């Protein structure tokens, strides 16, 4: 389980019913630092009906999340790596 606080660098809110993918500009790496996606890559995320999904180019992820106040908990994710 990963807890992501206000450090996620995107205007997306898991409380909204916005079905559009948002670009992530920074995230908490779990070591008390906010980092950006790897140079030259594009990380996107979408929250909908308790589910989170996204892409980092040719790799995709999906799973569930819970949101309480301004805390966001992302549960273990399934990933799909393409092109390996």
C-alpha atoms as a PDB file:
ATOM      1  CA  UNK A   1       0.000   0.000   0.000  1.00  0.00           C
ATOM      2  CA  UNK A   2       1.405   3.413  -0.904  1.00  0.00           C
ATOM      3  CA  UNK A   3       0.291   6.606   0.765  1.00  0.00           C
ATOM      4  CA  UNK A   4       0.536   9.685  -1.375  1.00  0.00           C
ATOM      5  CA  UNK A   5      -0.113  13.013   0.288  1.00  0.00           C
ATOM      6  CA  UNK A   6      -0.329  16.451  -1.290  1.00  0.00           C
ATOM      7  CA  UNK A   7       3.022  15.811  -2.982  1.00  0.00           C
ATOM      8  CA  UNK A   8       1.464  14.401  -6.136  1.00  0.00           C
ATOM      9  CA  UNK A   9       2.153  17.113  -8.679  1.00  0.00           C
ATOM     10  CA  UNK A  10      -1.015  17.210 -10.684  1.00  0.00           C
ATOM     11  CA  UNK A  11      -4.270  19.103 -10.560  1.00  0.00           C
ATOM     12  CA  UNK A  12      -6.209  15.843 -10.564  1.00  0.00           C
ATOM     13  CA  UNK A  13      -8.391  15.130  -7.553  1.00  0.00           C
ATOM     14  CA  UNK A  14      -9.473  11.597  -6.659  1.00  0.00           C
ATOM     15  CA  UNK A  15     -12.698  13.152  -5.324  1.00  0.00           C
ATOM     16  CA  UNK A  16     -13.798  14.412  -8.727  1.00  0.00           C
ATOM     17  CA  UNK A  17     -15.555  12.382 -11.385  1.00  0.00           C
ATOM     18  CA  UNK A  18     -13.171  13.715 -13.980  1.00  0.00           C
ATOM     19  CA  UNK A  19     -12.490  10.839 -16.385  1.00  0.00           C
ATOM     20  CA  UNK A  20      -9.673  12.609 -18.203  1.00  0.00           C
ATOM     21  CA  UNK A  21      -6.078  11.533 -17.803  1.00  0.00           C
ATOM     22  CA  UNK A  22      -3.864  14.042 -16.066  1.00  0.00           C
ATOM     23  CA  UNK A  23      -0.112  14.421 -16.447  1.00  0.00           C
ATOM     24  CA  UNK A  24       1.891  13.862 -13.247  1.00  0.00           C
ATOM     25  CA  UNK A  25       4.722  16.338 -12.786  1.00  0.00           C
ATOM     26  CA  UNK A  26       5.976  15.049  -9.419  1.00  0.00           C
ATOM     27  CA  UNK A  27       5.330  12.331  -6.864  1.00  0.00           C
ATOM     28  CA  UNK A  28       6.522  11.201  -3.437  1.00  0.00           C
ATOM     29  CA  UNK A  29       9.151   8.516  -3.951  1.00  0.00           C
ATOM     30  CA  UNK A  30       8.583   7.036  -0.479  1.00  0.00           C
ATOM     31  CA  UNK A  31      11.945   8.339   0.768  1.00  0.00           C
ATOM     32  CA  UNK A  32      10.727  11.781   1.837  1.00  0.00           C
ATOM     33  CA  UNK A  33      11.404  13.359  -1.538  1.00  0.00           C
ATOM     34  CA  UNK A  34       9.259  14.579  -4.393  1.00  0.00           C
ATOM     35  CA  UNK A  35      10.683  13.563  -7.757  1.00  0.00           C
ATOM     36  CA  UNK A  36       9.613  14.011 -11.352  1.00  0.00           C
ATOM     37  CA  UNK A  37       9.084  11.314 -13.955  1.00  0.00           C
ATOM     38  CA  UNK A  38      12.179  10.056 -15.750  1.00  0.00           C
ATOM     39  CA  UNK A  39      13.477  12.617 -18.242  1.00  0.00           C
ATOM     40  CA  UNK A  40      11.834  12.143 -21.632  1.00  0.00           C
ATOM     41  CA  UNK A  41       8.906  10.134 -20.274  1.00  0.00           C
ATOM     42  CA  UNK A  42       5.312  11.121 -19.646  1.00  0.00           C
ATOM     43  CA  UNK A  43       3.473   9.803 -16.585  1.00  0.00           C
ATOM     44  CA  UNK A  44      -0.320  10.019 -16.603  1.00  0.00           C
ATOM     45  CA  UNK A  45      -2.923   9.075 -14.016  1.00  0.00           C
ATOM     46  CA  UNK A  46      -6.726   8.833 -13.885  1.00  0.00           C
ATOM     47  CA  UNK A  47      -8.973   8.279 -10.849  1.00  0.00           C
ATOM     48  CA  UNK A  48     -12.500   6.935 -11.327  1.00  0.00           C
ATOM     49  CA  UNK A  49     -14.939   5.090  -9.057  1.00  0.00           C
ATOM     50  CA  UNK A  50     -12.269   3.944  -6.573  1.00  0.00           C
ATOM     51  CA  UNK A  51      -9.943   2.819  -9.370  1.00  0.00           C
ATOM     52  CA  UNK A  52      -6.671   4.388 -10.457  1.00  0.00           C
ATOM     53  CA  UNK A  53      -4.971   3.764 -13.778  1.00  0.00           C
ATOM     54  CA  UNK A  54      -2.212   5.327 -15.761  1.00  0.00           C
ATOM     55  CA  UNK A  55       0.665   5.042 -18.133  1.00  0.00           C
ATOM     56  CA  UNK A  56       4.343   5.875 -18.353  1.00  0.00           C
ATOM     57  CA  UNK A  57       4.501   5.542 -22.109  1.00  0.00           C
ATOM     58  CA  UNK A  58       4.386   1.906 -23.122  1.00  0.00           C
ATOM     59  CA  UNK A  59       3.969   0.648 -19.527  1.00  0.00           C
ATOM     60  CA  UNK A  60       0.564   0.768 -17.840  1.00  0.00           C
ATOM     61  CA  UNK A  61      -0.706   0.304 -14.278  1.00  0.00           C
ATOM     62  CA  UNK A  62      -4.074  -0.039 -12.559  1.00  0.00           C
ATOM     63  CA  UNK A  63      -5.490  -0.746  -9.125  1.00  0.00           C
ATOM     64  CA  UNK A  64      -7.673   0.684  -6.409  1.00  0.00           C
ATOM     65  CA  UNK A  65      -7.363   3.688  -4.129  1.00  0.00           C
ATOM     66  CA  UNK A  66      -9.069   5.281  -1.154  1.00  0.00           C
ATOM     67  CA  UNK A  67      -9.207   8.975  -0.381  1.00  0.00           C
ATOM     68  CA  UNK A  68      -9.888  10.539   2.995  1.00  0.00           C
ATOM     69  CA  UNK A  69      -9.520  14.276   3.466  1.00  0.00           C
ATOM     70  CA  UNK A  70      -6.392  15.261   1.573  1.00  0.00           C
ATOM     71  CA  UNK A  71      -4.755  11.827   2.051  1.00  0.00           C
ATOM     72  CA  UNK A  72      -4.699   9.403  -0.845  1.00  0.00           C
ATOM     73  CA  UNK A  73      -3.867   5.717  -0.384  1.00  0.00           C
ATOM     74  CA  UNK A  74      -3.018   3.746  -3.505  1.00  0.00           C
ATOM     75  CA  UNK A  75      -3.300   0.005  -2.931  1.00  0.00           C
ATOM     76  CA  UNK A  76      -0.989  -2.539  -4.654  1.00  0.00           C
ATOM     77  CA  UNK A  77      -0.991  -2.001  -8.407  1.00  0.00           C
ATOM     78  CA  UNK A  78      -0.950  -4.398 -11.329  1.00  0.00           C
ATOM     79  CA  UNK A  79       1.450  -3.403 -14.098  1.00  0.00           C
ATOM     80  CA  UNK A  80       1.746  -4.235 -17.769  1.00  0.00           C
ATOM     81  CA  UNK A  81       5.183  -3.777 -19.314  1.00  0.00           C
ATOM     82  CA  UNK A  82       5.282  -3.708 -23.097  1.00  0.00           C
ATOM     83  CA  UNK A  83       8.233  -3.843 -25.429  1.00  0.00           C
ATOM     84  CA  UNK A  84      10.554  -5.894 -23.221  1.00  0.00           C
END
